[in-house]
Amino acid sequence: MHFSAIIGLCGYIVYKALNQSFFAYFACGLVIGVLCEIAARITKSVATIYFASGIIPMVPGLTLYRSAEYFVQKNYTSAVYTLIEAFGGIGAIALALTISSLLFLRIRKN
């Protein structure tokens, strides 16, 4: 079964449903993290395999590109704003993945 594709799709649906905000990044990261941990338990493998393929589509690459483009155009206000937006999204995803991993680590220990 192709868990990676299903996990990526679920994350993207959550991201789009929540209107692509910072909370949307966090929620999709949390959904992806939980689903990756479940898929890892089912297949008896490490969750990192599923994290990589599930989270890559959610990384705000276009926002980072636009920020670089604004810097080249010397539009520093827009560049800094979009850079903060991109790093905020990346940080929200990282926090959500950490929380889901810690949650499953806690469940495994008990």
PDB file of N, CA and C in Angstrom:
ATOM      1  N   MET A   1       0.848  -1.184   0.000  1.00  0.00           N
ATOM      2  CA  MET A   1       0.000   0.000   0.000  1.00  0.00           C
ATOM      3  C   MET A   1       0.892   1.246   0.000  1.00  0.00           C
ATOM      4  N   HIS A   2       0.443   2.285  -0.659  1.00  0.00           N
ATOM      5  CA  HIS A   2       1.224   3.514  -0.786  1.00  0.00           C
ATOM      6  C   HIS A   2       0.803   4.520   0.286  1.00  0.00           C
ATOM      7  N   PHE A   3       1.317   4.300   1.463  1.00  0.00           N
ATOM      8  CA  PHE A   3       0.970   5.178   2.579  1.00  0.00           C
ATOM      9  C   PHE A   3       1.447   6.607   2.349  1.00  0.00           C
ATOM     10  N   SER A   4       2.604   6.765   1.724  1.00  0.00           N
ATOM     11  CA  SER A   4       3.179   8.103   1.543  1.00  0.00           C
ATOM     12  C   SER A   4       2.250   9.018   0.758  1.00  0.00           C
ATOM     13  N   ALA A   5       1.679   8.501  -0.312  1.00  0.00           N
ATOM     14  CA  ALA A   5       0.791   9.318  -1.136  1.00  0.00           C
ATOM     15  C   ALA A   5      -0.472   9.693  -0.370  1.00  0.00           C
ATOM     16  N   ILE A   6      -1.020   8.749   0.372  1.00  0.00           N
ATOM     17  CA  ILE A   6      -2.236   9.012   1.149  1.00  0.00           C
ATOM     18  C   ILE A   6      -1.956  10.030   2.250  1.00  0.00           C
ATOM     19  N   ILE A   7      -0.806   9.893   2.897  1.00  0.00           N
ATOM     20  CA  ILE A   7      -0.424  10.824   3.964  1.00  0.00           C
ATOM     21  C   ILE A   7      -0.250  12.234   3.404  1.00  0.00           C
ATOM     22  N   GLY A   8       0.447  12.352   2.271  1.00  0.00           N
ATOM     23  CA  GLY A   8       0.628  13.657   1.638  1.00  0.00           C
ATOM     24  C   GLY A   8      -0.693  14.284   1.237  1.00  0.00           C
ATOM     25  N   LEU A   9      -1.600  13.472   0.707  1.00  0.00           N
ATOM     26  CA  LEU A   9      -2.918  13.962   0.305  1.00  0.00           C
ATOM     27  C   LEU A   9      -3.713  14.464   1.508  1.00  0.00           C
ATOM     28  N   CYS A  10      -3.701  13.703   2.593  1.00  0.00           N
ATOM     29  CA  CYS A  10      -4.433  14.126   3.804  1.00  0.00           C
ATOM     30  C   CYS A  10      -3.880  15.443   4.341  1.00  0.00           C
ATOM     31  N   GLY A  11      -2.568  15.575   4.363  1.00  0.00           N
ATOM     32  CA  GLY A  11      -1.955  16.823   4.817  1.00  0.00           C
ATOM     33  C   GLY A  11      -2.340  18.002   3.943  1.00  0.00           C
ATOM     34  N   TYR A  12      -2.350  17.791   2.631  1.00  0.00           N
ATOM     35  CA  TYR A  12      -2.691  18.863   1.709  1.00  0.00           C
ATOM     36  C   TYR A  12      -4.156  19.272   1.843  1.00  0.00           C
ATOM     37  N   ILE A  13      -5.034  18.301   2.045  1.00  0.00           N
ATOM     38  CA  ILE A  13      -6.455  18.603   2.229  1.00  0.00           C
ATOM     39  C   ILE A  13      -6.664  19.458   3.479  1.00  0.00           C
ATOM     40  N   VAL A  14      -5.991  19.098   4.567  1.00  0.00           N
ATOM     41  CA  VAL A  14      -6.097  19.884   5.808  1.00  0.00           C
ATOM     42  C   VAL A  14      -5.552  21.291   5.585  1.00  0.00           C
ATOM     43  N   TYR A  15      -4.428  21.388   4.896  1.00  0.00           N
ATOM     44  CA  TYR A  15      -3.807  22.685   4.619  1.00  0.00           C
ATOM     45  C   TYR A  15      -4.743  23.586   3.807  1.00  0.00           C
ATOM     46  N   LYS A  16      -5.347  23.037   2.765  1.00  0.00           N
ATOM     47  CA  LYS A  16      -6.257  23.825   1.930  1.00  0.00           C
ATOM     48  C   LYS A  16      -7.559  24.154   2.664  1.00  0.00           C
ATOM     49  N   ALA A  17      -8.044  23.220   3.487  1.00  0.00           N
ATOM     50  CA  ALA A  17      -9.298  23.443   4.213  1.00  0.00           C
ATOM     51  C   ALA A  17      -9.173  24.565   5.232  1.00  0.00           C
ATOM     52  N   LEU A  18      -7.974  24.769   5.753  1.00  0.00           N
ATOM     53  CA  LEU A  18      -7.762  25.808   6.765  1.00  0.00           C
ATOM     54  C   LEU A  18      -7.208  27.104   6.168  1.00  0.00           C
ATOM     55  N   ASN A  19      -7.372  27.289   4.871  1.00  0.00           N
ATOM     56  CA  ASN A  19      -7.049  28.544   4.176  1.00  0.00           C
ATOM     57  C   ASN A  19      -5.587  28.950   4.229  1.00  0.00           C
ATOM     58  N   GLN A  20      -4.689  28.010   4.253  1.00  0.00           N
ATOM     59  CA  GLN A  20      -3.250  28.254   4.091  1.00  0.00           C
ATOM     60  C   GLN A  20      -2.684  29.281   5.073  1.00  0.00           C
ATOM     61  N   SER A  21      -3.059  29.179   6.334  1.00  0.00           N
ATOM     62  CA  SER A  21      -2.564  30.088   7.372  1.00  0.00           C
ATOM     63  C   SER A  21      -1.456  29.401   8.169  1.00  0.00           C
ATOM     64  N   PHE A  22      -0.944  30.095   9.188  1.00  0.00           N
ATOM     65  CA  PHE A  22       0.057  29.462  10.054  1.00  0.00           C
ATOM     66  C   PHE A  22      -0.537  28.266  10.773  1.00  0.00           C
ATOM     67  N   PHE A  23      -1.776  28.407  11.209  1.00  0.00           N
ATOM     68  CA  PHE A  23      -2.431  27.277  11.861  1.00  0.00           C
ATOM     69  C   PHE A  23      -2.614  26.122  10.890  1.00  0.00           C
ATOM     70  N   ALA A  24      -2.837  26.422   9.612  1.00  0.00           N
ATOM     71  CA  ALA A  24      -2.975  25.368   8.596  1.00  0.00           C
ATOM     72  C   ALA A  24      -1.672  24.586   8.464  1.00  0.00           C
ATOM     73  N   TYR A  25      -0.540  25.283   8.498  1.00  0.00           N
ATOM     74  CA  TYR A  25       0.750  24.590   8.465  1.00  0.00           C
ATOM     75  C   TYR A  25       0.902  23.677   9.678  1.00  0.00           C
ATOM     76  N   PHE A  26       0.532  24.192  10.844  1.00  0.00           N
ATOM     77  CA  PHE A  26       0.638  23.393  12.071  1.00  0.00           C
ATOM     78  C   PHE A  26      -0.288  22.180  12.011  1.00  0.00           C
ATOM     79  N   ALA A  27      -1.543  22.396  11.609  1.00  0.00           N
ATOM     80  CA  ALA A  27      -2.519  21.305  11.570  1.00  0.00           C
ATOM     81  C   ALA A  27      -2.126  20.240  10.550  1.00  0.00           C
ATOM     82  N   CYS A  28      -1.670  20.650   9.383  1.00  0.00           N
ATOM     83  CA  CYS A  28      -1.281  19.655   8.388  1.00  0.00           C
ATOM     84  C   CYS A  28      -0.034  18.912   8.838  1.00  0.00           C
ATOM     85  N   GLY A  29       0.873  19.594   9.517  1.00  0.00           N
ATOM     86  CA  GLY A  29       2.050  18.916  10.068  1.00  0.00           C
ATOM     87  C   GLY A  29       1.672  17.902  11.129  1.00  0.00           C
ATOM     88  N   LEU A  30       0.701  18.247  11.942  1.00  0.00           N
ATOM     89  CA  LEU A  30       0.237  17.332  12.985  1.00  0.00           C
ATOM     90  C   LEU A  30      -0.461  16.117  12.376  1.00  0.00           C
ATOM     91  N   VAL A  31      -1.303  16.345  11.397  1.00  0.00           N
ATOM     92  CA  VAL A  31      -1.983  15.234  10.724  1.00  0.00           C
ATOM     93  C   VAL A  31      -0.962  14.325  10.043  1.00  0.00           C
ATOM     94  N   ILE A  32      -0.021  14.916   9.341  1.00  0.00           N
ATOM     95  CA  ILE A  32       1.013  14.129   8.665  1.00  0.00           C
ATOM     96  C   ILE A  32       1.852  13.366   9.676  1.00  0.00           C
ATOM     97  N   GLY A  33       2.222  14.010  10.769  1.00  0.00           N
ATOM     98  CA  GLY A  33       3.019  13.342  11.794  1.00  0.00           C
ATOM     99  C   GLY A  33       2.319  12.149  12.405  1.00  0.00           C
ATOM    100  N   VAL A  34       1.056  12.314  12.734  1.00  0.00           N
ATOM    101  CA  VAL A  34       0.288  11.212  13.336  1.00  0.00           C
ATOM    102  C   VAL A  34       0.117  10.075  12.332  1.00  0.00           C
ATOM    103  N   LEU A  35      -0.225  10.412  11.093  1.00  0.00           N
ATOM    104  CA  LEU A  35      -0.406   9.370  10.083  1.00  0.00           C
ATOM    105  C   LEU A  35       0.907   8.649   9.768  1.00  0.00           C
ATOM    106  N   CYS A  36       2.009   9.371   9.790  1.00  0.00           N
ATOM    107  CA  CYS A  36       3.313   8.740   9.564  1.00  0.00           C
ATOM    108  C   CYS A  36       3.644   7.760  10.682  1.00  0.00           C
ATOM    109  N   GLU A  37       3.362   8.140  11.907  1.00  0.00           N
ATOM    110  CA  GLU A  37       3.620   7.237  13.028  1.00  0.00           C
ATOM    111  C   GLU A  37       2.738   5.993  12.945  1.00  0.00           C
ATOM    112  N   ILE A  38       1.491   6.159  12.548  1.00  0.00           N
ATOM    113  CA  ILE A  38       0.587   5.009  12.405  1.00  0.00           C
ATOM    114  C   ILE A  38       1.071   4.100  11.269  1.00  0.00           C
ATOM    115  N   ALA A  39       1.438   4.694  10.135  1.00  0.00           N
ATOM    116  CA  ALA A  39       1.936   3.899   9.004  1.00  0.00           C
ATOM    117  C   ALA A  39       3.221   3.166   9.370  1.00  0.00           C
ATOM    118  N   ALA A  40       4.067   3.797  10.155  1.00  0.00           N
ATOM    119  CA  ALA A  40       5.306   3.149  10.585  1.00  0.00           C
ATOM    120  C   ALA A  40       5.013   1.953  11.487  1.00  0.00           C
ATOM    121  N   ARG A  41       3.993   2.068  12.321  1.00  0.00           N
ATOM    122  CA  ARG A  41       3.619   0.940  13.186  1.00  0.00           C
ATOM    123  C   ARG A  41       3.055  -0.213  12.359  1.00  0.00           C
ATOM    124  N   ILE A  42       2.248   0.124  11.351  1.00  0.00           N
ATOM    125  CA  ILE A  42       1.633  -0.906  10.513  1.00  0.00           C
ATOM    126  C   ILE A  42       2.697  -1.662   9.717  1.00  0.00           C
ATOM    127  N   THR A  43       3.641  -0.922   9.132  1.00  0.00           N
ATOM    128  CA  THR A  43       4.663  -1.545   8.290  1.00  0.00           C
ATOM    129  C   THR A  43       5.905  -1.980   9.063  1.00  0.00           C
ATOM    130  N   LYS A  44       5.938  -1.693  10.354  1.00  0.00           N
ATOM    131  CA  LYS A  44       7.091  -2.019  11.210  1.00  0.00           C
ATOM    132  C   LYS A  44       8.389  -1.427  10.645  1.00  0.00           C
ATOM    133  N   SER A  45       8.320  -0.144  10.329  1.00  0.00           N
ATOM    134  CA  SER A  45       9.484   0.584   9.840  1.00  0.00           C
ATOM    135  C   SER A  45       9.584   1.907  10.593  1.00  0.00           C
ATOM    136  N   VAL A  46      10.541   2.727  10.207  1.00  0.00           N
ATOM    137  CA  VAL A  46      10.716   4.008  10.881  1.00  0.00           C
ATOM    138  C   VAL A  46       9.798   5.061  10.247  1.00  0.00           C
ATOM    139  N   ALA A  47       9.338   5.975  11.051  1.00  0.00           N
ATOM    140  CA  ALA A  47       8.402   6.995  10.576  1.00  0.00           C
ATOM    141  C   ALA A  47       9.070   8.027   9.668  1.00  0.00           C
ATOM    142  N   THR A  48      10.375   8.160   9.732  1.00  0.00           N
ATOM    143  CA  THR A  48      11.091   9.145   8.927  1.00  0.00           C
ATOM    144  C   THR A  48      10.872   8.924   7.438  1.00  0.00           C
ATOM    145  N   ILE A  49      10.721   7.682   7.045  1.00  0.00           N
ATOM    146  CA  ILE A  49      10.477   7.367   5.636  1.00  0.00           C
ATOM    147  C   ILE A  49       9.209   8.074   5.166  1.00  0.00           C
ATOM    148  N   TYR A  50       8.196   8.064   5.982  1.00  0.00           N
ATOM    149  CA  TYR A  50       6.924   8.664   5.617  1.00  0.00           C
ATOM    150  C   TYR A  50       6.922  10.170   5.856  1.00  0.00           C
ATOM    151  N   PHE A  51       7.689  10.644   6.839  1.00  0.00           N
ATOM    152  CA  PHE A  51       7.776  12.082   7.090  1.00  0.00           C
ATOM    153  C   PHE A  51       8.284  12.806   5.853  1.00  0.00           C
ATOM    154  N   ALA A  52       9.359  12.301   5.278  1.00  0.00           N
ATOM    155  CA  ALA A  52       9.995  12.988   4.155  1.00  0.00           C
ATOM    156  C   ALA A  52       9.040  13.152   2.983  1.00  0.00           C
ATOM    157  N   SER A  53       8.394  12.079   2.586  1.00  0.00           N
ATOM    158  CA  SER A  53       7.520  12.161   1.418  1.00  0.00           C
ATOM    159  C   SER A  53       6.193  12.855   1.723  1.00  0.00           C
ATOM    160  N   GLY A  54       5.780  12.861   2.962  1.00  0.00           N
ATOM    161  CA  GLY A  54       4.526  13.505   3.313  1.00  0.00           C
ATOM    162  C   GLY A  54       4.651  15.002   3.517  1.00  0.00           C
ATOM    163  N   ILE A  55       5.810  15.448   3.955  1.00  0.00           N
ATOM    164  CA  ILE A  55       5.958  16.854   4.329  1.00  0.00           C
ATOM    165  C   ILE A  55       6.547  17.712   3.208  1.00  0.00           C
ATOM    166  N   ILE A  56       7.244  17.119   2.253  1.00  0.00           N
ATOM    167  CA  ILE A  56       7.864  17.889   1.177  1.00  0.00           C
ATOM    168  C   ILE A  56       6.853  18.768   0.427  1.00  0.00           C
ATOM    169  N   PRO A  57       5.665  18.262   0.090  1.00  0.00           N
ATOM    170  CA  PRO A  57       4.720  19.151  -0.605  1.00  0.00           C
ATOM    171  C   PRO A  57       4.227  20.324   0.243  1.00  0.00           C
ATOM    172  N   MET A  58       4.361  20.247   1.544  1.00  0.00           N
ATOM    173  CA  MET A  58       3.851  21.301   2.420  1.00  0.00           C
ATOM    174  C   MET A  58       4.871  22.414   2.670  1.00  0.00           C
ATOM    175  N   VAL A  59       6.123  22.197   2.359  1.00  0.00           N
ATOM    176  CA  VAL A  59       7.156  23.205   2.608  1.00  0.00           C
ATOM    177  C   VAL A  59       6.879  24.424   1.728  1.00  0.00           C
ATOM    178  N   PRO A  60       6.889  25.616   2.317  1.00  0.00           N
ATOM    179  CA  PRO A  60       6.533  26.821   1.551  1.00  0.00           C
ATOM    180  C   PRO A  60       7.662  27.305   0.636  1.00  0.00           C
ATOM    181  N   GLY A  61       7.982  26.510  -0.365  1.00  0.00           N
ATOM    182  CA  GLY A  61       9.067  26.840  -1.286  1.00  0.00           C
ATOM    183  C   GLY A  61       8.771  28.043  -2.153  1.00  0.00           C
ATOM    184  N   LEU A  62       7.533  28.171  -2.609  1.00  0.00           N
ATOM    185  CA  LEU A  62       7.173  29.306  -3.444  1.00  0.00           C
ATOM    186  C   LEU A  62       7.302  30.618  -2.664  1.00  0.00           C
ATOM    187  N   THR A  63       6.964  30.587  -1.400  1.00  0.00           N
ATOM    188  CA  THR A  63       7.093  31.784  -0.564  1.00  0.00           C
ATOM    189  C   THR A  63       8.558  32.170  -0.401  1.00  0.00           C
ATOM    190  N   LEU A  64       9.434  31.173  -0.230  1.00  0.00           N
ATOM    191  CA  LEU A  64      10.871  31.457  -0.146  1.00  0.00           C
ATOM    192  C   LEU A  64      11.388  32.031  -1.468  1.00  0.00           C
ATOM    193  N   TYR A  65      10.914  31.485  -2.565  1.00  0.00           N
ATOM    194  CA  TYR A  65      11.313  31.992  -3.882  1.00  0.00           C
ATOM    195  C   TYR A  65      10.875  33.439  -4.060  1.00  0.00           C
ATOM    196  N   ARG A  66       9.635  33.720  -3.693  1.00  0.00           N
ATOM    197  CA  ARG A  66       9.138  35.097  -3.821  1.00  0.00           C
ATOM    198  C   ARG A  66       9.930  36.065  -2.955  1.00  0.00           C
ATOM    199  N   SER A  67      10.323  35.606  -1.773  1.00  0.00           N
ATOM    200  CA  SER A  67      11.128  36.446  -0.900  1.00  0.00           C
ATOM    201  C   SER A  67      12.466  36.791  -1.553  1.00  0.00           C
ATOM    202  N   ALA A  68      13.105  35.793  -2.141  1.00  0.00           N
ATOM    203  CA  ALA A  68      14.373  36.045  -2.841  1.00  0.00           C
ATOM    204  C   ALA A  68      14.162  36.989  -4.025  1.00  0.00           C
ATOM    205  N   GLU A  69      13.059  36.820  -4.715  1.00  0.00           N
ATOM    206  CA  GLU A  69      12.752  37.691  -5.848  1.00  0.00           C
ATOM    207  C   GLU A  69      12.550  39.139  -5.388  1.00  0.00           C
ATOM    208  N   TYR A  70      11.869  39.330  -4.263  1.00  0.00           N
ATOM    209  CA  TYR A  70      11.680  40.678  -3.724  1.00  0.00           C
ATOM    210  C   TYR A  70      13.010  41.310  -3.307  1.00  0.00           C
ATOM    211  N   PHE A  71      13.919  40.494  -2.755  1.00  0.00           N
ATOM    212  CA  PHE A  71      15.237  41.027  -2.392  1.00  0.00           C
ATOM    213  C   PHE A  71      15.987  41.504  -3.630  1.00  0.00           C
ATOM    214  N   VAL A  72      15.927  40.745  -4.709  1.00  0.00           N
ATOM    215  CA  VAL A  72      16.604  41.131  -5.944  1.00  0.00           C
ATOM    216  C   VAL A  72      15.998  42.416  -6.513  1.00  0.00           C
ATOM    217  N   GLN A  73      14.689  42.577  -6.363  1.00  0.00           N
ATOM    218  CA  GLN A  73      14.006  43.773  -6.855  1.00  0.00           C
ATOM    219  C   GLN A  73      14.134  44.955  -5.897  1.00  0.00           C
ATOM    220  N   LYS A  74      14.847  44.752  -4.792  1.00  0.00           N
ATOM    221  CA  LYS A  74      15.057  45.774  -3.755  1.00  0.00           C
ATOM    222  C   LYS A  74      13.753  46.220  -3.085  1.00  0.00           C
ATOM    223  N   ASN A  75      12.798  45.321  -3.046  1.00  0.00           N
ATOM    224  CA  ASN A  75      11.541  45.554  -2.342  1.00  0.00           C
ATOM    225  C   ASN A  75      11.673  44.866  -0.975  1.00  0.00           C
ATOM    226  N   TYR A  76      12.399  45.509  -0.078  1.00  0.00           N
ATOM    227  CA  TYR A  76      12.797  44.868   1.175  1.00  0.00           C
ATOM    228  C   TYR A  76      11.632  44.620   2.132  1.00  0.00           C
ATOM    229  N   THR A  77      10.633  45.472   2.113  1.00  0.00           N
ATOM    230  CA  THR A  77       9.490  45.276   3.001  1.00  0.00           C
ATOM    231  C   THR A  77       8.755  43.984   2.654  1.00  0.00           C
ATOM    232  N   SER A  78       8.458  43.797   1.391  1.00  0.00           N
ATOM    233  CA  SER A  78       7.779  42.572   0.959  1.00  0.00           C
ATOM    234  C   SER A  78       8.675  41.354   1.157  1.00  0.00           C
ATOM    235  N   ALA A  79       9.971  41.524   0.940  1.00  0.00           N
ATOM    236  CA  ALA A  79      10.912  40.413   1.093  1.00  0.00           C
ATOM    237  C   ALA A  79      10.946  39.913   2.534  1.00  0.00           C
ATOM    238  N   VAL A  80      11.031  40.829   3.460  1.00  0.00           N
ATOM    239  CA  VAL A  80      11.075  40.436   4.870  1.00  0.00           C
ATOM    240  C   VAL A  80       9.741  39.825   5.300  1.00  0.00           C
ATOM    241  N   TYR A  81       8.640  40.404   4.843  1.00  0.00           N
ATOM    242  CA  TYR A  81       7.323  39.866   5.190  1.00  0.00           C
ATOM    243  C   TYR A  81       7.163  38.437   4.693  1.00  0.00           C
ATOM    244  N   THR A  82       7.506  38.190   3.427  1.00  0.00           N
ATOM    245  CA  THR A  82       7.350  36.838   2.888  1.00  0.00           C
ATOM    246  C   THR A  82       8.348  35.867   3.502  1.00  0.00           C
ATOM    247  N   LEU A  83       9.517  36.347   3.865  1.00  0.00           N
ATOM    248  CA  LEU A  83      10.502  35.482   4.532  1.00  0.00           C
ATOM    249  C   LEU A  83      10.012  35.068   5.915  1.00  0.00           C
ATOM    250  N   ILE A  84       9.430  36.006   6.646  1.00  0.00           N
ATOM    251  CA  ILE A  84       8.862  35.678   7.957  1.00  0.00           C
ATOM    252  C   ILE A  84       7.708  34.696   7.802  1.00  0.00           C
ATOM    253  N   GLU A  85       6.893  34.895   6.781  1.00  0.00           N
ATOM    254  CA  GLU A  85       5.781  33.985   6.522  1.00  0.00           C
ATOM    255  C   GLU A  85       6.281  32.565   6.216  1.00  0.00           C
ATOM    256  N   ALA A  86       7.322  32.468   5.411  1.00  0.00           N
ATOM    257  CA  ALA A  86       7.872  31.154   5.052  1.00  0.00           C
ATOM    258  C   ALA A  86       8.476  30.466   6.266  1.00  0.00           C
ATOM    259  N   PHE A  87       9.289  31.174   7.030  1.00  0.00           N
ATOM    260  CA  PHE A  87       9.915  30.565   8.206  1.00  0.00           C
ATOM    261  C   PHE A  87       8.886  30.248   9.285  1.00  0.00           C
ATOM    262  N   GLY A  88       7.823  31.036   9.362  1.00  0.00           N
ATOM    263  CA  GLY A  88       6.743  30.721  10.290  1.00  0.00           C
ATOM    264  C   GLY A  88       6.070  29.409   9.924  1.00  0.00           C
ATOM    265  N   GLY A  89       5.831  29.199   8.634  1.00  0.00           N
ATOM    266  CA  GLY A  89       5.242  27.947   8.168  1.00  0.00           C
ATOM    267  C   GLY A  89       6.152  26.759   8.414  1.00  0.00           C
ATOM    268  N   ILE A  90       7.435  26.936   8.138  1.00  0.00           N
ATOM    269  CA  ILE A  90       8.405  25.867   8.373  1.00  0.00           C
ATOM    270  C   ILE A  90       8.485  25.541   9.859  1.00  0.00           C
ATOM    271  N   GLY A  91       8.491  26.563  10.696  1.00  0.00           N
ATOM    272  CA  GLY A  91       8.537  26.344  12.147  1.00  0.00           C
ATOM    273  C   GLY A  91       7.289  25.655  12.666  1.00  0.00           C
ATOM    274  N   ALA A  92       6.127  26.022  12.127  1.00  0.00           N
ATOM    275  CA  ALA A  92       4.866  25.386  12.545  1.00  0.00           C
ATOM    276  C   ALA A  92       4.857  23.906  12.169  1.00  0.00           C
ATOM    277  N   ILE A  93       5.346  23.592  10.970  1.00  0.00           N
ATOM    278  CA  ILE A  93       5.422  22.193  10.547  1.00  0.00           C
ATOM    279  C   ILE A  93       6.381  21.418  11.443  1.00  0.00           C
ATOM    280  N   ALA A  94       7.542  21.995  11.722  1.00  0.00           N
ATOM    281  CA  ALA A  94       8.530  21.316  12.573  1.00  0.00           C
ATOM    282  C   ALA A  94       7.986  21.083  13.985  1.00  0.00           C
ATOM    283  N   LEU A  95       7.301  22.068  14.532  1.00  0.00           N
ATOM    284  CA  LEU A  95       6.718  21.923  15.866  1.00  0.00           C
ATOM    285  C   LEU A  95       5.666  20.818  15.880  1.00  0.00           C
ATOM    286  N   ALA A  96       4.827  20.777  14.862  1.00  0.00           N
ATOM    287  CA  ALA A  96       3.780  19.754  14.793  1.00  0.00           C
ATOM    288  C   ALA A  96       4.372  18.357  14.666  1.00  0.00           C
ATOM    289  N   LEU A  97       5.400  18.200  13.850  1.00  0.00           N
ATOM    290  CA  LEU A  97       6.044  16.890  13.712  1.00  0.00           C
ATOM    291  C   LEU A  97       6.704  16.462  15.016  1.00  0.00           C
ATOM    292  N   THR A  98       7.295  17.402  15.718  1.00  0.00           N
ATOM    293  CA  THR A  98       7.908  17.095  17.011  1.00  0.00           C
ATOM    294  C   THR A  98       6.859  16.657  18.017  1.00  0.00           C
ATOM    295  N   ILE A  99       5.755  17.361  18.068  1.00  0.00           N
ATOM    296  CA  ILE A  99       4.679  17.004  19.005  1.00  0.00           C
ATOM    297  C   ILE A  99       4.129  15.624  18.701  1.00  0.00           C
ATOM    298  N   SER A 100       3.904  15.322  17.427  1.00  0.00           N
ATOM    299  CA  SER A 100       3.364  14.002  17.089  1.00  0.00           C
ATOM    300  C   SER A 100       4.359  12.897  17.420  1.00  0.00           C
ATOM    301  N   SER A 101       5.641  13.137  17.195  1.00  0.00           N
ATOM    302  CA  SER A 101       6.652  12.129  17.534  1.00  0.00           C
ATOM    303  C   SER A 101       6.730  11.914  19.039  1.00  0.00           C
ATOM    304  N   LEU A 102       6.684  12.999  19.794  1.00  0.00           N
ATOM    305  CA  LEU A 102       6.727  12.875  21.251  1.00  0.00           C
ATOM    306  C   LEU A 102       5.485  12.188  21.796  1.00  0.00           C
ATOM    307  N   LEU A 103       4.342  12.460  21.182  1.00  0.00           N
ATOM    308  CA  LEU A 103       3.099  11.809  21.592  1.00  0.00           C
ATOM    309  C   LEU A 103       3.188  10.298  21.410  1.00  0.00           C
ATOM    310  N   PHE A 104       3.664   9.858  20.269  1.00  0.00           N
ATOM    311  CA  PHE A 104       3.773   8.422  20.020  1.00  0.00           C
ATOM    312  C   PHE A 104       4.898   7.794  20.830  1.00  0.00           C
ATOM    313  N   LEU A 105       5.943   8.545  21.123  1.00  0.00           N
ATOM    314  CA  LEU A 105       6.995   8.040  21.981  1.00  0.00           C
ATOM    315  C   LEU A 105       6.450   7.811  23.387  1.00  0.00           C
ATOM    316  N   ARG A 106       5.621   8.722  23.832  1.00  0.00           N
ATOM    317  CA  ARG A 106       4.988   8.600  25.158  1.00  0.00           C
ATOM    318  C   ARG A 106       4.038   7.395  25.198  1.00  0.00           C
ATOM    319  N   ILE A 107       3.290   7.197  24.121  1.00  0.00           N
ATOM    320  CA  ILE A 107       2.366   6.059  24.044  1.00  0.00           C
ATOM    321  C   ILE A 107       3.141   4.746  24.055  1.00  0.00           C
ATOM    322  N   ARG A 108       4.253   4.701  23.349  1.00  0.00           N
ATOM    323  CA  ARG A 108       5.066   3.498  23.276  1.00  0.00           C
ATOM    324  C   ARG A 108       5.665   3.127  24.634  1.00  0.00           C
ATOM    325  N   LYS A 109       6.035   4.118  25.419  1.00  0.00           N
ATOM    326  CA  LYS A 109       6.661   3.871  26.717  1.00  0.00           C
ATOM    327  C   LYS A 109       5.666   3.319  27.742  1.00  0.00           C
ATOM    328  N   ASN A 110       4.394   3.682  27.613  1.00  0.00           N
ATOM    329  CA  ASN A 110       3.384   3.263  28.601  1.00  0.00           C
ATOM    330  C   ASN A 110       2.817   1.925  28.304  1.00  0.00           C
TER     331      ASN A 110
END
